[in-house]
């Protein structure tokens, strides 16, 4: 079933599939993989094989049963465009999102190429936002160029975990940028200057900026709990959202 999310930029998570595989440095300390191990230990259906990919077609109907307009993060525990997900199944997910037009669906992927390939032959519903993960220059920035070519209402970037200074990059055609640091015992450091550079570019381009969290490493470079480090960036909460969708 769809569950209330602790992710600050959404309301509910909807997982018509679970499980994934690592493809880039941003995946190294995957929170979903850690969660999958816990759910397997609890005997949760769908996680019998841990973080192996598993389709959950019985969950497809969930958004259709909810009338209240809701923001859904699609596949918090997987990647809709994973290479092992059949194209026909991806289409079924899009069919549900098209029918459930009262909701907003946020689809995030690291597999930008497959997303672009799928969307070439499909109309992206206006209530579906498409995003890519960006963790560094080598793997993350090329995904932005691919995303920009897809025709949709809202394109967004999840720059989390931010692993290095991204330098200058093109925000043309991007409506929303989320930035966050990594959490957990093995979390990698995120520096203030890196976030500053992204924030300045968002301001110049008129792009909504959302600072999600510091994570395990604080603004002063000390390692503390995620809760203690909080969400403030330069003394305030930045939680802008796209103004249409």
C-alpha atoms as a PDB file:
ATOM      1  CA  UNK A   1       0.000   0.000   0.000  1.00  0.00           C
ATOM      2  CA  UNK A   2       1.044   3.613  -0.463  1.00  0.00           C
ATOM      3  CA  UNK A   3       2.630   4.928   2.706  1.00  0.00           C
ATOM      4  CA  UNK A   4       3.063   8.340   4.264  1.00  0.00           C
ATOM      5  CA  UNK A   5       6.536   9.536   3.485  1.00  0.00           C
ATOM      6  CA  UNK A   6       9.209  11.038   5.698  1.00  0.00           C
ATOM      7  CA  UNK A   7      10.728  12.515   2.537  1.00  0.00           C
ATOM      8  CA  UNK A   8      10.275  16.259   2.898  1.00  0.00           C
ATOM      9  CA  UNK A   9       9.364  16.988  -0.722  1.00  0.00           C
ATOM     10  CA  UNK A  10       6.499  14.531  -1.153  1.00  0.00           C
ATOM     11  CA  UNK A  11       3.385  13.240   0.648  1.00  0.00           C
ATOM     12  CA  UNK A  12       3.032   9.529  -0.078  1.00  0.00           C
ATOM     13  CA  UNK A  13       5.279   6.907  -1.648  1.00  0.00           C
ATOM     14  CA  UNK A  14       3.911   4.429  -4.196  1.00  0.00           C
ATOM     15  CA  UNK A  15       5.984   1.362  -5.016  1.00  0.00           C
ATOM     16  CA  UNK A  16       4.513  -0.757  -7.836  1.00  0.00           C
ATOM     17  CA  UNK A  17       7.879  -2.530  -7.771  1.00  0.00           C
ATOM     18  CA  UNK A  18      10.711  -2.918  -5.277  1.00  0.00           C
ATOM     19  CA  UNK A  19      14.418  -3.617  -5.531  1.00  0.00           C
ATOM     20  CA  UNK A  20      17.219  -2.217  -7.654  1.00  0.00           C
ATOM     21  CA  UNK A  21      20.925  -2.494  -8.542  1.00  0.00           C
ATOM     22  CA  UNK A  22      23.770  -0.002  -8.194  1.00  0.00           C
ATOM     23  CA  UNK A  23      24.896   1.893 -11.292  1.00  0.00           C
ATOM     24  CA  UNK A  24      26.846   4.951 -10.051  1.00  0.00           C
ATOM     25  CA  UNK A  25      28.566   6.420  -6.955  1.00  0.00           C
ATOM     26  CA  UNK A  26      25.320   7.907  -5.651  1.00  0.00           C
ATOM     27  CA  UNK A  27      24.087   4.341  -5.076  1.00  0.00           C
ATOM     28  CA  UNK A  28      26.953   3.321  -2.779  1.00  0.00           C
ATOM     29  CA  UNK A  29      25.104   3.792   0.524  1.00  0.00           C
ATOM     30  CA  UNK A  30      21.570   3.316  -0.825  1.00  0.00           C
ATOM     31  CA  UNK A  31      18.965   3.962   1.887  1.00  0.00           C
ATOM     32  CA  UNK A  32      16.430   1.753   0.078  1.00  0.00           C
ATOM     33  CA  UNK A  33      18.781  -1.235   0.142  1.00  0.00           C
ATOM     34  CA  UNK A  34      19.247  -0.824   3.892  1.00  0.00           C
ATOM     35  CA  UNK A  35      15.485  -0.540   4.363  1.00  0.00           C
ATOM     36  CA  UNK A  36      14.902  -3.636   2.209  1.00  0.00           C
ATOM     37  CA  UNK A  37      17.119  -5.709   4.514  1.00  0.00           C
ATOM     38  CA  UNK A  38      15.045  -4.610   7.500  1.00  0.00           C
ATOM     39  CA  UNK A  39      11.780  -5.381   5.717  1.00  0.00           C
ATOM     40  CA  UNK A  40      13.048  -8.828   4.725  1.00  0.00           C
ATOM     41  CA  UNK A  41      13.864  -9.549   8.363  1.00  0.00           C
ATOM     42  CA  UNK A  42      10.324  -8.468   9.276  1.00  0.00           C
ATOM     43  CA  UNK A  43       8.854 -10.876   6.713  1.00  0.00           C
ATOM     44  CA  UNK A  44       7.374  -8.083   4.586  1.00  0.00           C
ATOM     45  CA  UNK A  45       5.873  -9.271   1.297  1.00  0.00           C
ATOM     46  CA  UNK A  46       7.943  -8.307  -1.735  1.00  0.00           C
ATOM     47  CA  UNK A  47      11.218  -8.385   0.161  1.00  0.00           C
ATOM     48  CA  UNK A  48      11.623 -12.155   0.427  1.00  0.00           C
ATOM     49  CA  UNK A  49      14.796 -11.798  -1.679  1.00  0.00           C
ATOM     50  CA  UNK A  50      15.965  -8.588  -0.062  1.00  0.00           C
ATOM     51  CA  UNK A  51      16.686  -5.869  -2.600  1.00  0.00           C
ATOM     52  CA  UNK A  52      16.251  -7.982  -5.729  1.00  0.00           C
ATOM     53  CA  UNK A  53      13.868  -6.458  -8.258  1.00  0.00           C
ATOM     54  CA  UNK A  54      10.271  -7.613  -7.827  1.00  0.00           C
ATOM     55  CA  UNK A  55       7.177  -6.343  -9.656  1.00  0.00           C
ATOM     56  CA  UNK A  56       4.125  -5.728  -7.448  1.00  0.00           C
ATOM     57  CA  UNK A  57       1.197  -5.491  -9.903  1.00  0.00           C
ATOM     58  CA  UNK A  58      -1.367  -5.675  -7.093  1.00  0.00           C
ATOM     59  CA  UNK A  59      -0.184  -2.225  -6.009  1.00  0.00           C
ATOM     60  CA  UNK A  60      -0.943  -0.583  -9.344  1.00  0.00           C
ATOM     61  CA  UNK A  61      -4.497   0.266  -8.308  1.00  0.00           C
ATOM     62  CA  UNK A  62      -3.540   2.153  -5.116  1.00  0.00           C
ATOM     63  CA  UNK A  63      -3.607   5.739  -6.462  1.00  0.00           C
ATOM     64  CA  UNK A  64      -6.939   5.078  -8.166  1.00  0.00           C
ATOM     65  CA  UNK A  65      -8.522   4.275  -4.805  1.00  0.00           C
ATOM     66  CA  UNK A  66      -7.548   7.621  -3.267  1.00  0.00           C
ATOM     67  CA  UNK A  67      -9.722  10.605  -4.173  1.00  0.00           C
ATOM     68  CA  UNK A  68      -7.884  13.280  -2.182  1.00  0.00           C
ATOM     69  CA  UNK A  69      -5.325  15.038  -4.447  1.00  0.00           C
ATOM     70  CA  UNK A  70      -1.947  13.796  -3.305  1.00  0.00           C
ATOM     71  CA  UNK A  71       1.710  14.152  -4.263  1.00  0.00           C
ATOM     72  CA  UNK A  72       3.187  10.682  -4.816  1.00  0.00           C
ATOM     73  CA  UNK A  73       6.857   9.802  -5.066  1.00  0.00           C
ATOM     74  CA  UNK A  74       6.895   6.841  -7.458  1.00  0.00           C
ATOM     75  CA  UNK A  75       9.248   3.994  -6.513  1.00  0.00           C
ATOM     76  CA  UNK A  76      11.061   5.207  -3.447  1.00  0.00           C
ATOM     77  CA  UNK A  77      12.274   1.601  -3.178  1.00  0.00           C
ATOM     78  CA  UNK A  78      13.200   1.031  -6.814  1.00  0.00           C
ATOM     79  CA  UNK A  79      13.716   2.676 -10.212  1.00  0.00           C
ATOM     80  CA  UNK A  80      10.829   2.600 -12.685  1.00  0.00           C
ATOM     81  CA  UNK A  81      13.281   2.562 -15.597  1.00  0.00           C
ATOM     82  CA  UNK A  82      15.493  -0.252 -14.339  1.00  0.00           C
ATOM     83  CA  UNK A  83      16.671  -2.327 -17.293  1.00  0.00           C
ATOM     84  CA  UNK A  84      14.873  -5.439 -16.002  1.00  0.00           C
ATOM     85  CA  UNK A  85      11.446  -3.782 -15.767  1.00  0.00           C
ATOM     86  CA  UNK A  86       9.424  -4.755 -18.863  1.00  0.00           C
ATOM     87  CA  UNK A  87       8.361  -1.827 -21.039  1.00  0.00           C
ATOM     88  CA  UNK A  88       4.799  -3.105 -20.828  1.00  0.00           C
ATOM     89  CA  UNK A  89       4.889  -2.770 -17.056  1.00  0.00           C
ATOM     90  CA  UNK A  90       6.225   0.775 -17.241  1.00  0.00           C
ATOM     91  CA  UNK A  91       3.311   1.552 -19.553  1.00  0.00           C
ATOM     92  CA  UNK A  92       0.865   0.147 -16.995  1.00  0.00           C
ATOM     93  CA  UNK A  93       2.318   2.501 -14.374  1.00  0.00           C
ATOM     94  CA  UNK A  94       1.927   5.449 -16.751  1.00  0.00           C
ATOM     95  CA  UNK A  95      -1.633   4.382 -17.546  1.00  0.00           C
ATOM     96  CA  UNK A  96      -2.486   4.560 -13.849  1.00  0.00           C
ATOM     97  CA  UNK A  97      -0.869   7.974 -13.487  1.00  0.00           C
ATOM     98  CA  UNK A  98      -2.823   9.208 -16.500  1.00  0.00           C
ATOM     99  CA  UNK A  99      -6.105   7.959 -15.079  1.00  0.00           C
ATOM    100  CA  UNK A 100      -5.419   9.278 -11.559  1.00  0.00           C
ATOM    101  CA  UNK A 101      -5.237  12.864 -12.786  1.00  0.00           C
ATOM    102  CA  UNK A 102      -6.209  14.258  -9.366  1.00  0.00           C
ATOM    103  CA  UNK A 103      -2.742  13.337  -8.108  1.00  0.00           C
ATOM    104  CA  UNK A 104       0.774  14.573  -8.847  1.00  0.00           C
ATOM    105  CA  UNK A 105       3.384  11.871  -9.481  1.00  0.00           C
ATOM    106  CA  UNK A 106       7.120  12.453  -9.045  1.00  0.00           C
ATOM    107  CA  UNK A 107       9.180   9.954 -11.036  1.00  0.00           C
ATOM    108  CA  UNK A 108      12.905   9.950 -10.289  1.00  0.00           C
ATOM    109  CA  UNK A 109      15.541   7.843 -12.046  1.00  0.00           C
ATOM    110  CA  UNK A 110      19.259   7.363 -12.527  1.00  0.00           C
ATOM    111  CA  UNK A 111      18.513   5.660 -15.825  1.00  0.00           C
ATOM    112  CA  UNK A 112      17.784   8.782 -17.836  1.00  0.00           C
ATOM    113  CA  UNK A 113      18.480   7.133 -21.170  1.00  0.00           C
ATOM    114  CA  UNK A 114      15.762   4.542 -20.776  1.00  0.00           C
ATOM    115  CA  UNK A 115      13.325   7.157 -19.502  1.00  0.00           C
ATOM    116  CA  UNK A 116      13.947   9.271 -22.600  1.00  0.00           C
ATOM    117  CA  UNK A 117      13.573   6.251 -24.860  1.00  0.00           C
ATOM    118  CA  UNK A 118      10.227   5.333 -23.272  1.00  0.00           C
ATOM    119  CA  UNK A 119       8.900   8.883 -23.395  1.00  0.00           C
ATOM    120  CA  UNK A 120       9.716   9.265 -27.096  1.00  0.00           C
ATOM    121  CA  UNK A 121       6.785   6.995 -27.881  1.00  0.00           C
ATOM    122  CA  UNK A 122       4.499   8.053 -25.026  1.00  0.00           C
ATOM    123  CA  UNK A 123       2.728  11.219 -23.961  1.00  0.00           C
ATOM    124  CA  UNK A 124       3.794  12.253 -20.472  1.00  0.00           C
ATOM    125  CA  UNK A 125       0.630  13.249 -18.559  1.00  0.00           C
ATOM    126  CA  UNK A 126       0.665  16.826 -17.203  1.00  0.00           C
ATOM    127  CA  UNK A 127       0.419  15.537 -13.620  1.00  0.00           C
ATOM    128  CA  UNK A 128       3.653  13.546 -13.943  1.00  0.00           C
ATOM    129  CA  UNK A 129       6.929  15.230 -13.009  1.00  0.00           C
ATOM    130  CA  UNK A 130      10.101  13.629 -14.354  1.00  0.00           C
ATOM    131  CA  UNK A 131      13.417  13.888 -12.531  1.00  0.00           C
ATOM    132  CA  UNK A 132      16.968  12.544 -12.511  1.00  0.00           C
ATOM    133  CA  UNK A 133      19.441  11.994  -9.706  1.00  0.00           C
ATOM    134  CA  UNK A 134      22.636  14.037  -9.837  1.00  0.00           C
ATOM    135  CA  UNK A 135      25.458  13.168  -7.452  1.00  0.00           C
ATOM    136  CA  UNK A 136      28.590  14.310  -9.291  1.00  0.00           C
ATOM    137  CA  UNK A 137      29.853  15.705 -12.578  1.00  0.00           C
ATOM    138  CA  UNK A 138      30.777  12.473 -14.356  1.00  0.00           C
ATOM    139  CA  UNK A 139      27.580  10.495 -13.815  1.00  0.00           C
ATOM    140  CA  UNK A 140      25.012  13.080 -12.762  1.00  0.00           C
ATOM    141  CA  UNK A 141      25.400  16.037 -15.099  1.00  0.00           C
ATOM    142  CA  UNK A 142      24.933  14.032 -18.345  1.00  0.00           C
ATOM    143  CA  UNK A 143      21.521  12.929 -17.042  1.00  0.00           C
ATOM    144  CA  UNK A 144      20.364  16.556 -17.024  1.00  0.00           C
ATOM    145  CA  UNK A 145      21.001  16.933 -20.749  1.00  0.00           C
ATOM    146  CA  UNK A 146      18.946  13.805 -21.423  1.00  0.00           C
ATOM    147  CA  UNK A 147      16.100  14.941 -19.150  1.00  0.00           C
ATOM    148  CA  UNK A 148      15.927  18.343 -20.847  1.00  0.00           C
ATOM    149  CA  UNK A 149      14.973  16.699 -24.158  1.00  0.00           C
ATOM    150  CA  UNK A 150      11.881  14.980 -22.721  1.00  0.00           C
ATOM    151  CA  UNK A 151       8.587  16.800 -23.225  1.00  0.00           C
ATOM    152  CA  UNK A 152       6.818  17.131 -19.866  1.00  0.00           C
ATOM    153  CA  UNK A 153       5.367  19.802 -17.578  1.00  0.00           C
ATOM    154  CA  UNK A 154       7.926  19.623 -14.788  1.00  0.00           C
ATOM    155  CA  UNK A 155      11.523  18.440 -14.915  1.00  0.00           C
ATOM    156  CA  UNK A 156      13.415  18.209 -11.644  1.00  0.00           C
ATOM    157  CA  UNK A 157      16.810  17.286 -10.245  1.00  0.00           C
ATOM    158  CA  UNK A 158      17.442  15.389  -7.025  1.00  0.00           C
ATOM    159  CA  UNK A 159      20.993  16.380  -6.183  1.00  0.00           C
ATOM    160  CA  UNK A 160      21.342  13.966  -3.294  1.00  0.00           C
ATOM    161  CA  UNK A 161      23.751  12.850  -2.115  1.00  0.00           C
ATOM    162  CA  UNK A 162      25.795  15.764  -3.392  1.00  0.00           C
ATOM    163  CA  UNK A 163      29.316  14.320  -3.554  1.00  0.00           C
ATOM    164  CA  UNK A 164      31.352  17.132  -5.093  1.00  0.00           C
ATOM    165  CA  UNK A 165      31.270  20.663  -6.459  1.00  0.00           C
ATOM    166  CA  UNK A 166      29.232  20.484  -9.654  1.00  0.00           C
ATOM    167  CA  UNK A 167      30.651  23.713 -11.053  1.00  0.00           C
ATOM    168  CA  UNK A 168      28.559  25.561 -13.631  1.00  0.00           C
ATOM    169  CA  UNK A 169      25.836  23.543 -15.358  1.00  0.00           C
ATOM    170  CA  UNK A 170      22.861  24.266 -17.580  1.00  0.00           C
ATOM    171  CA  UNK A 171      19.461  24.595 -15.844  1.00  0.00           C
ATOM    172  CA  UNK A 172      17.552  25.448 -19.009  1.00  0.00           C
ATOM    173  CA  UNK A 173      14.230  23.601 -19.010  1.00  0.00           C
ATOM    174  CA  UNK A 174      14.529  22.556 -15.353  1.00  0.00           C
ATOM    175  CA  UNK A 175      11.800  23.733 -12.975  1.00  0.00           C
ATOM    176  CA  UNK A 176      12.918  22.341  -9.611  1.00  0.00           C
ATOM    177  CA  UNK A 177      16.154  21.414  -7.836  1.00  0.00           C
ATOM    178  CA  UNK A 178      16.391  19.423  -4.590  1.00  0.00           C
ATOM    179  CA  UNK A 179      19.729  19.313  -2.743  1.00  0.00           C
ATOM    180  CA  UNK A 180      20.720  17.111   0.171  1.00  0.00           C
ATOM    181  CA  UNK A 181      23.588  15.472   1.975  1.00  0.00           C
ATOM    182  CA  UNK A 182      24.016  11.786   2.732  1.00  0.00           C
ATOM    183  CA  UNK A 183      22.901  10.072   5.943  1.00  0.00           C
ATOM    184  CA  UNK A 184      24.146   7.007   7.787  1.00  0.00           C
ATOM    185  CA  UNK A 185      27.361   5.721   9.344  1.00  0.00           C
ATOM    186  CA  UNK A 186      29.215   5.724   6.016  1.00  0.00           C
ATOM    187  CA  UNK A 187      27.888   9.091   4.831  1.00  0.00           C
ATOM    188  CA  UNK A 188      30.143  11.178   2.627  1.00  0.00           C
ATOM    189  CA  UNK A 189      30.746  14.870   3.310  1.00  0.00           C
ATOM    190  CA  UNK A 190      28.785  17.649   1.590  1.00  0.00           C
ATOM    191  CA  UNK A 191      30.351  21.123   1.715  1.00  0.00           C
ATOM    192  CA  UNK A 192      28.565  24.461   2.098  1.00  0.00           C
ATOM    193  CA  UNK A 193      30.319  25.936  -0.941  1.00  0.00           C
ATOM    194  CA  UNK A 194      28.945  23.170  -3.161  1.00  0.00           C
ATOM    195  CA  UNK A 195      25.385  23.968  -2.113  1.00  0.00           C
ATOM    196  CA  UNK A 196      26.006  27.709  -2.458  1.00  0.00           C
ATOM    197  CA  UNK A 197      27.042  27.229  -6.065  1.00  0.00           C
ATOM    198  CA  UNK A 198      23.847  25.366  -6.900  1.00  0.00           C
ATOM    199  CA  UNK A 199      21.645  27.871  -5.034  1.00  0.00           C
ATOM    200  CA  UNK A 200      23.176  30.826  -6.917  1.00  0.00           C
ATOM    201  CA  UNK A 201      22.577  29.141 -10.261  1.00  0.00           C
ATOM    202  CA  UNK A 202      18.966  28.317  -9.343  1.00  0.00           C
ATOM    203  CA  UNK A 203      18.356  31.949  -8.374  1.00  0.00           C
ATOM    204  CA  UNK A 204      19.857  33.203 -11.633  1.00  0.00           C
ATOM    205  CA  UNK A 205      17.803  30.760 -13.707  1.00  0.00           C
ATOM    206  CA  UNK A 206      14.542  31.259 -11.777  1.00  0.00           C
ATOM    207  CA  UNK A 207      14.464  27.611 -10.689  1.00  0.00           C
ATOM    208  CA  UNK A 208      12.694  26.568  -7.472  1.00  0.00           C
ATOM    209  CA  UNK A 209      15.266  25.466  -4.848  1.00  0.00           C
ATOM    210  CA  UNK A 210      14.549  22.919  -2.108  1.00  0.00           C
ATOM    211  CA  UNK A 211      17.177  22.130   0.537  1.00  0.00           C
ATOM    212  CA  UNK A 212      16.251  18.708   1.900  1.00  0.00           C
ATOM    213  CA  UNK A 213      18.845  18.068   4.604  1.00  0.00           C
ATOM    214  CA  UNK A 214      22.451  18.190   5.736  1.00  0.00           C
ATOM    215  CA  UNK A 215      22.413  14.519   6.584  1.00  0.00           C
ATOM    216  CA  UNK A 216      25.141  13.109   8.800  1.00  0.00           C
ATOM    217  CA  UNK A 217      27.664  15.889   8.137  1.00  0.00           C
ATOM    218  CA  UNK A 218      26.754  19.367   9.353  1.00  0.00           C
ATOM    219  CA  UNK A 219      27.437  22.753   7.775  1.00  0.00           C
ATOM    220  CA  UNK A 220      30.465  23.146  10.069  1.00  0.00           C
ATOM    221  CA  UNK A 221      31.955  19.851   8.903  1.00  0.00           C
ATOM    222  CA  UNK A 222      31.138  17.890  12.056  1.00  0.00           C
ATOM    223  CA  UNK A 223      29.543  14.466  12.093  1.00  0.00           C
ATOM    224  CA  UNK A 224      26.274  14.385  14.018  1.00  0.00           C
ATOM    225  CA  UNK A 225      22.834  12.794  13.756  1.00  0.00           C
ATOM    226  CA  UNK A 226      20.663  13.786  10.814  1.00  0.00           C
ATOM    227  CA  UNK A 227      18.041  15.182  13.178  1.00  0.00           C
ATOM    228  CA  UNK A 228      20.486  17.432  15.005  1.00  0.00           C
ATOM    229  CA  UNK A 229      21.972  18.807  11.784  1.00  0.00           C
ATOM    230  CA  UNK A 230      18.496  19.637  10.492  1.00  0.00           C
ATOM    231  CA  UNK A 231      17.447  21.353   7.275  1.00  0.00           C
ATOM    232  CA  UNK A 232      18.474  24.981   7.710  1.00  0.00           C
ATOM    233  CA  UNK A 233      20.788  26.442   5.107  1.00  0.00           C
ATOM    234  CA  UNK A 234      22.185  29.881   5.908  1.00  0.00           C
ATOM    235  CA  UNK A 235      19.718  30.231   8.747  1.00  0.00           C
ATOM    236  CA  UNK A 236      16.461  29.324   7.023  1.00  0.00           C
ATOM    237  CA  UNK A 237      14.445  26.536   5.421  1.00  0.00           C
ATOM    238  CA  UNK A 238      14.432  26.554   1.620  1.00  0.00           C
ATOM    239  CA  UNK A 239      11.423  24.557   0.456  1.00  0.00           C
ATOM    240  CA  UNK A 240      10.281  26.055  -2.853  1.00  0.00           C
ATOM    241  CA  UNK A 241       8.210  23.854  -5.149  1.00  0.00           C
ATOM    242  CA  UNK A 242       7.347  24.230  -8.851  1.00  0.00           C
ATOM    243  CA  UNK A 243       4.450  26.608  -9.365  1.00  0.00           C
ATOM    244  CA  UNK A 244       2.658  24.444 -11.913  1.00  0.00           C
ATOM    245  CA  UNK A 245       2.233  20.820 -12.740  1.00  0.00           C
END
